[in-house]
Amino acid sequence: MKKILSILRGKKQTERLSELRSQEIMRALDSALNNVEEQKVLADIRYHEEINNLGDDGVNYKSKINQLIEYKETIINADNTIQAINEIKKDLDSEVEDINP
């Protein structure tokens, strides 16, 4: 039995309701994952745009470097969040004995 179903069934819900809630939770995790992946892609695009702007005349290097750092931090944080979401999904999808007989 999937861990998430075992947890939800322990809340005295019907089997069908538990399955629906399980699907809802997994969709919410998928949605969060999609949002983070989109943020990462946008930050990566902006990061590379700013790299290209370093050669512009009259560029404020301090400002550009701060923006580069901000975009790179967003990318790193997104990677960590993606990993965390995937680990949560894996944990909830793991097989366990029914903890609520």
N, C-alpha and C. Protein backbone atom coordinates (compact mmCIF):
# COMPACT_ATOMS: atom_id res chain seq x y z
N MET A 1 0.85 -1.17 0.00
CA MET A 1 0.00 0.00 0.00
C MET A 1 0.90 1.24 0.00
N LYS A 2 0.49 2.24 -0.75
CA LYS A 2 1.24 3.49 -0.79
C LYS A 2 1.14 4.19 0.55
N LYS A 3 2.24 4.80 0.95
CA LYS A 3 2.32 5.48 2.24
C LYS A 3 1.23 6.54 2.38
N ILE A 4 1.04 7.32 1.32
CA ILE A 4 0.06 8.40 1.39
C ILE A 4 -1.35 7.86 1.62
N LEU A 5 -1.68 6.74 0.96
CA LEU A 5 -3.02 6.15 1.17
C LEU A 5 -3.16 5.62 2.58
N SER A 6 -2.11 5.03 3.10
CA SER A 6 -2.15 4.52 4.46
C SER A 6 -2.38 5.66 5.46
N ILE A 7 -1.71 6.78 5.24
CA ILE A 7 -1.87 7.94 6.13
C ILE A 7 -3.30 8.47 6.04
N LEU A 8 -3.80 8.64 4.83
CA LEU A 8 -5.15 9.20 4.65
C LEU A 8 -6.23 8.27 5.18
N ARG A 9 -6.06 6.99 5.02
CA ARG A 9 -7.06 6.04 5.52
C ARG A 9 -7.09 6.04 7.04
N GLY A 10 -6.00 6.40 7.65
CA GLY A 10 -5.95 6.50 9.11
C GLY A 10 -6.78 7.66 9.63
N LYS A 11 -7.18 8.55 8.73
CA LYS A 11 -7.99 9.71 9.12
C LYS A 11 -9.48 9.39 9.03
N LYS A 12 -9.81 8.11 8.99
CA LYS A 12 -11.20 7.64 8.98
C LYS A 12 -11.96 8.09 7.74
N GLN A 13 -11.27 8.13 6.60
CA GLN A 13 -11.92 8.47 5.35
C GLN A 13 -12.23 7.19 4.59
N THR A 14 -13.19 7.26 3.72
CA THR A 14 -13.50 6.09 2.90
C THR A 14 -12.34 5.84 1.95
N GLU A 15 -12.28 4.63 1.43
CA GLU A 15 -11.19 4.27 0.52
C GLU A 15 -11.18 5.18 -0.71
N ARG A 16 -12.34 5.43 -1.28
CA ARG A 16 -12.43 6.28 -2.48
C ARG A 16 -12.00 7.71 -2.17
N LEU A 17 -12.43 8.24 -1.04
CA LEU A 17 -12.04 9.59 -0.65
C LEU A 17 -10.53 9.65 -0.43
N SER A 18 -9.98 8.63 0.18
CA SER A 18 -8.53 8.59 0.40
C SER A 18 -7.79 8.62 -0.93
N GLU A 19 -8.28 7.86 -1.90
CA GLU A 19 -7.64 7.85 -3.22
C GLU A 19 -7.73 9.21 -3.90
N LEU A 20 -8.89 9.86 -3.79
CA LEU A 20 -9.06 11.18 -4.38
C LEU A 20 -8.15 12.21 -3.72
N ARG A 21 -8.08 12.17 -2.40
CA ARG A 21 -7.20 13.09 -1.68
C ARG A 21 -5.74 12.83 -2.04
N SER A 22 -5.39 11.56 -2.18
CA SER A 22 -4.03 11.20 -2.57
C SER A 22 -3.69 11.81 -3.93
N GLN A 23 -4.60 11.69 -4.88
CA GLN A 23 -4.38 12.26 -6.21
C GLN A 23 -4.27 13.78 -6.14
N GLU A 24 -5.10 14.40 -5.31
CA GLU A 24 -5.08 15.85 -5.14
C GLU A 24 -3.73 16.31 -4.58
N ILE A 25 -3.23 15.59 -3.59
CA ILE A 25 -1.94 15.93 -2.99
C ILE A 25 -0.82 15.79 -4.01
N MET A 26 -0.84 14.70 -4.77
CA MET A 26 0.21 14.50 -5.77
C MET A 26 0.13 15.55 -6.88
N ARG A 27 -1.07 15.96 -7.27
CA ARG A 27 -1.22 17.03 -8.26
C ARG A 27 -0.68 18.35 -7.71
N ALA A 28 -0.91 18.61 -6.43
CA ALA A 28 -0.39 19.83 -5.81
C ALA A 28 1.14 19.82 -5.81
N LEU A 29 1.72 18.66 -5.53
CA LEU A 29 3.18 18.55 -5.58
C LEU A 29 3.70 18.74 -7.01
N ASP A 30 3.00 18.17 -7.98
CA ASP A 30 3.38 18.35 -9.39
C ASP A 30 3.28 19.82 -9.80
N SER A 31 2.25 20.49 -9.34
CA SER A 31 2.07 21.91 -9.64
C SER A 31 3.20 22.74 -9.03
N ALA A 32 3.54 22.44 -7.79
CA ALA A 32 4.65 23.14 -7.13
C ALA A 32 5.95 22.90 -7.89
N LEU A 33 6.15 21.67 -8.33
CA LEU A 33 7.35 21.33 -9.09
C LEU A 33 7.40 22.11 -10.40
N ASN A 34 6.27 22.18 -11.10
CA ASN A 34 6.22 22.94 -12.35
C ASN A 34 6.53 24.42 -12.12
N ASN A 35 5.98 24.99 -11.05
CA ASN A 35 6.23 26.40 -10.75
C ASN A 35 7.71 26.67 -10.49
N VAL A 36 8.33 25.79 -9.72
CA VAL A 36 9.75 25.97 -9.40
C VAL A 36 10.61 25.80 -10.65
N GLU A 37 10.27 24.81 -11.47
CA GLU A 37 11.03 24.61 -12.71
C GLU A 37 10.91 25.82 -13.62
N GLU A 38 9.73 26.43 -13.67
CA GLU A 38 9.53 27.63 -14.49
C GLU A 38 10.37 28.79 -13.94
N GLN A 39 10.37 28.97 -12.62
CA GLN A 39 11.19 30.02 -12.01
C GLN A 39 12.66 29.81 -12.33
N LYS A 40 13.10 28.56 -12.30
CA LYS A 40 14.50 28.25 -12.58
C LYS A 40 14.85 28.61 -14.03
N VAL A 41 13.98 28.24 -14.96
CA VAL A 41 14.23 28.53 -16.37
C VAL A 41 14.30 30.04 -16.60
N LEU A 42 13.36 30.78 -16.01
CA LEU A 42 13.36 32.24 -16.18
C LEU A 42 14.62 32.86 -15.58
N ALA A 43 15.03 32.40 -14.42
CA ALA A 43 16.25 32.92 -13.80
C ALA A 43 17.47 32.60 -14.65
N ASP A 44 17.49 31.41 -15.23
CA ASP A 44 18.61 31.01 -16.08
C ASP A 44 18.68 31.88 -17.34
N ILE A 45 17.53 32.16 -17.93
CA ILE A 45 17.49 33.04 -19.11
C ILE A 45 17.99 34.43 -18.75
N ARG A 46 17.48 34.98 -17.65
CA ARG A 46 17.89 36.32 -17.23
C ARG A 46 19.37 36.37 -16.86
N TYR A 47 19.85 35.31 -16.24
CA TYR A 47 21.27 35.23 -15.88
C TYR A 47 22.14 35.35 -17.14
N HIS A 48 21.80 34.58 -18.16
CA HIS A 48 22.60 34.62 -19.39
C HIS A 48 22.44 35.95 -20.14
N GLU A 49 21.28 36.56 -20.05
CA GLU A 49 21.10 37.89 -20.64
C GLU A 49 22.01 38.89 -19.96
N GLU A 50 22.07 38.83 -18.62
CA GLU A 50 22.92 39.76 -17.87
C GLU A 50 24.40 39.52 -18.14
N ILE A 51 24.79 38.26 -18.32
CA ILE A 51 26.18 37.95 -18.68
C ILE A 51 26.52 38.66 -19.99
N ASN A 52 25.63 38.58 -20.95
CA ASN A 52 25.86 39.22 -22.25
C ASN A 52 25.89 40.74 -22.12
N ASN A 53 25.17 41.30 -21.15
CA ASN A 53 25.13 42.75 -20.96
C ASN A 53 26.39 43.30 -20.30
N LEU A 54 27.24 42.44 -19.78
CA LEU A 54 28.46 42.91 -19.13
C LEU A 54 29.38 43.65 -20.11
N GLY A 55 29.25 43.37 -21.39
CA GLY A 55 30.09 44.02 -22.39
C GLY A 55 29.55 45.34 -22.89
N ASP A 56 28.38 45.74 -22.41
CA ASP A 56 27.78 47.00 -22.86
C ASP A 56 28.59 48.19 -22.38
N ASP A 57 28.55 49.27 -23.17
CA ASP A 57 29.21 50.52 -22.78
C ASP A 57 28.49 51.11 -21.58
N GLY A 58 29.25 51.63 -20.65
CA GLY A 58 28.70 52.32 -19.49
C GLY A 58 27.95 51.42 -18.53
N VAL A 59 28.24 50.14 -18.56
CA VAL A 59 27.53 49.20 -17.69
C VAL A 59 27.96 49.42 -16.23
N ASN A 60 26.99 49.32 -15.35
CA ASN A 60 27.26 49.40 -13.91
C ASN A 60 27.58 47.98 -13.44
N TYR A 61 28.87 47.67 -13.33
CA TYR A 61 29.28 46.30 -13.02
C TYR A 61 28.78 45.82 -11.68
N LYS A 62 28.78 46.71 -10.70
CA LYS A 62 28.32 46.32 -9.37
C LYS A 62 26.86 45.88 -9.42
N SER A 63 26.05 46.65 -10.10
CA SER A 63 24.63 46.32 -10.23
C SER A 63 24.44 45.02 -10.99
N LYS A 64 25.16 44.86 -12.09
CA LYS A 64 25.05 43.64 -12.89
C LYS A 64 25.49 42.41 -12.10
N ILE A 65 26.57 42.54 -11.35
CA ILE A 65 27.06 41.41 -10.55
C ILE A 65 26.04 41.05 -9.48
N ASN A 66 25.43 42.04 -8.85
CA ASN A 66 24.39 41.76 -7.86
C ASN A 66 23.20 41.03 -8.50
N GLN A 67 22.83 41.44 -9.70
CA GLN A 67 21.74 40.76 -10.40
C GLN A 67 22.14 39.32 -10.75
N LEU A 68 23.39 39.14 -11.20
CA LEU A 68 23.87 37.79 -11.51
C LEU A 68 23.82 36.89 -10.28
N ILE A 69 24.24 37.44 -9.15
CA ILE A 69 24.20 36.67 -7.90
C ILE A 69 22.76 36.29 -7.55
N GLU A 70 21.86 37.25 -7.68
CA GLU A 70 20.45 36.99 -7.37
C GLU A 70 19.87 35.89 -8.27
N TYR A 71 20.15 35.96 -9.56
CA TYR A 71 19.65 34.93 -10.47
C TYR A 71 20.27 33.58 -10.17
N LYS A 72 21.57 33.56 -9.88
CA LYS A 72 22.24 32.29 -9.58
C LYS A 72 21.69 31.69 -8.29
N GLU A 73 21.41 32.52 -7.28
CA GLU A 73 20.80 32.03 -6.04
C GLU A 73 19.42 31.44 -6.30
N THR A 74 18.66 32.08 -7.18
CA THR A 74 17.34 31.55 -7.54
C THR A 74 17.47 30.18 -8.19
N ILE A 75 18.45 30.03 -9.06
CA ILE A 75 18.68 28.74 -9.73
C ILE A 75 19.07 27.68 -8.72
N ILE A 76 19.98 28.01 -7.81
CA ILE A 76 20.42 27.05 -6.79
C ILE A 76 19.27 26.68 -5.86
N ASN A 77 18.51 27.67 -5.42
CA ASN A 77 17.36 27.40 -4.55
C ASN A 77 16.31 26.55 -5.27
N ALA A 78 16.11 26.81 -6.54
CA ALA A 78 15.15 26.03 -7.32
C ALA A 78 15.61 24.57 -7.40
N ASP A 79 16.90 24.36 -7.63
CA ASP A 79 17.42 22.99 -7.67
C ASP A 79 17.17 22.27 -6.35
N ASN A 80 17.41 22.96 -5.24
CA ASN A 80 17.18 22.36 -3.92
C ASN A 80 15.70 22.07 -3.70
N THR A 81 14.84 22.98 -4.11
CA THR A 81 13.40 22.79 -3.95
C THR A 81 12.90 21.64 -4.83
N ILE A 82 13.41 21.56 -6.04
CA ILE A 82 13.04 20.45 -6.94
C ILE A 82 13.43 19.12 -6.31
N GLN A 83 14.63 19.07 -5.77
CA GLN A 83 15.08 17.84 -5.11
C GLN A 83 14.18 17.50 -3.92
N ALA A 84 13.82 18.50 -3.12
CA ALA A 84 12.97 18.26 -1.96
C ALA A 84 11.58 17.76 -2.38
N ILE A 85 11.00 18.38 -3.39
CA ILE A 85 9.68 17.95 -3.86
C ILE A 85 9.74 16.51 -4.37
N ASN A 86 10.77 16.20 -5.13
CA ASN A 86 10.90 14.83 -5.65
C ASN A 86 11.07 13.82 -4.53
N GLU A 87 11.80 14.19 -3.48
CA GLU A 87 11.96 13.29 -2.33
C GLU A 87 10.64 13.10 -1.58
N ILE A 88 9.86 14.17 -1.45
CA ILE A 88 8.55 14.08 -0.81
C ILE A 88 7.64 13.15 -1.62
N LYS A 89 7.61 13.36 -2.93
CA LYS A 89 6.78 12.51 -3.79
C LYS A 89 7.21 11.04 -3.68
N LYS A 90 8.50 10.82 -3.69
CA LYS A 90 9.02 9.45 -3.58
C LYS A 90 8.62 8.83 -2.25
N ASP A 91 8.73 9.61 -1.17
CA ASP A 91 8.36 9.11 0.15
C ASP A 91 6.88 8.78 0.22
N LEU A 92 6.04 9.68 -0.28
CA LEU A 92 4.59 9.44 -0.24
C LEU A 92 4.17 8.30 -1.15
N ASP A 93 4.94 8.05 -2.19
CA ASP A 93 4.61 6.99 -3.14
C ASP A 93 5.25 5.64 -2.76
N SER A 94 6.03 5.63 -1.68
CA SER A 94 6.70 4.39 -1.28
C SER A 94 5.68 3.39 -0.73
N GLU A 95 6.05 2.14 -0.81
CA GLU A 95 5.19 1.07 -0.32
C GLU A 95 5.43 0.86 1.18
N VAL A 96 4.33 0.73 1.93
CA VAL A 96 4.40 0.44 3.36
C VAL A 96 3.29 -0.55 3.70
N GLU A 97 3.46 -1.18 4.84
CA GLU A 97 2.36 -1.99 5.34
C GLU A 97 1.29 -1.04 5.83
N ASP A 98 0.06 -1.47 5.78
CA ASP A 98 -1.05 -0.63 6.25
C ASP A 98 -0.82 -0.31 7.72
N ILE A 99 -0.61 0.97 8.03
CA ILE A 99 -0.35 1.37 9.42
C ILE A 99 -1.64 1.55 10.21
N ASN A 100 -2.77 1.41 9.52
CA ASN A 100 -4.08 1.58 10.17
C ASN A 100 -4.97 0.38 9.82
N PRO A 101 -4.75 -0.74 10.48
CA PRO A 101 -5.52 -1.95 10.13
C PRO A 101 -7.00 -1.82 10.36
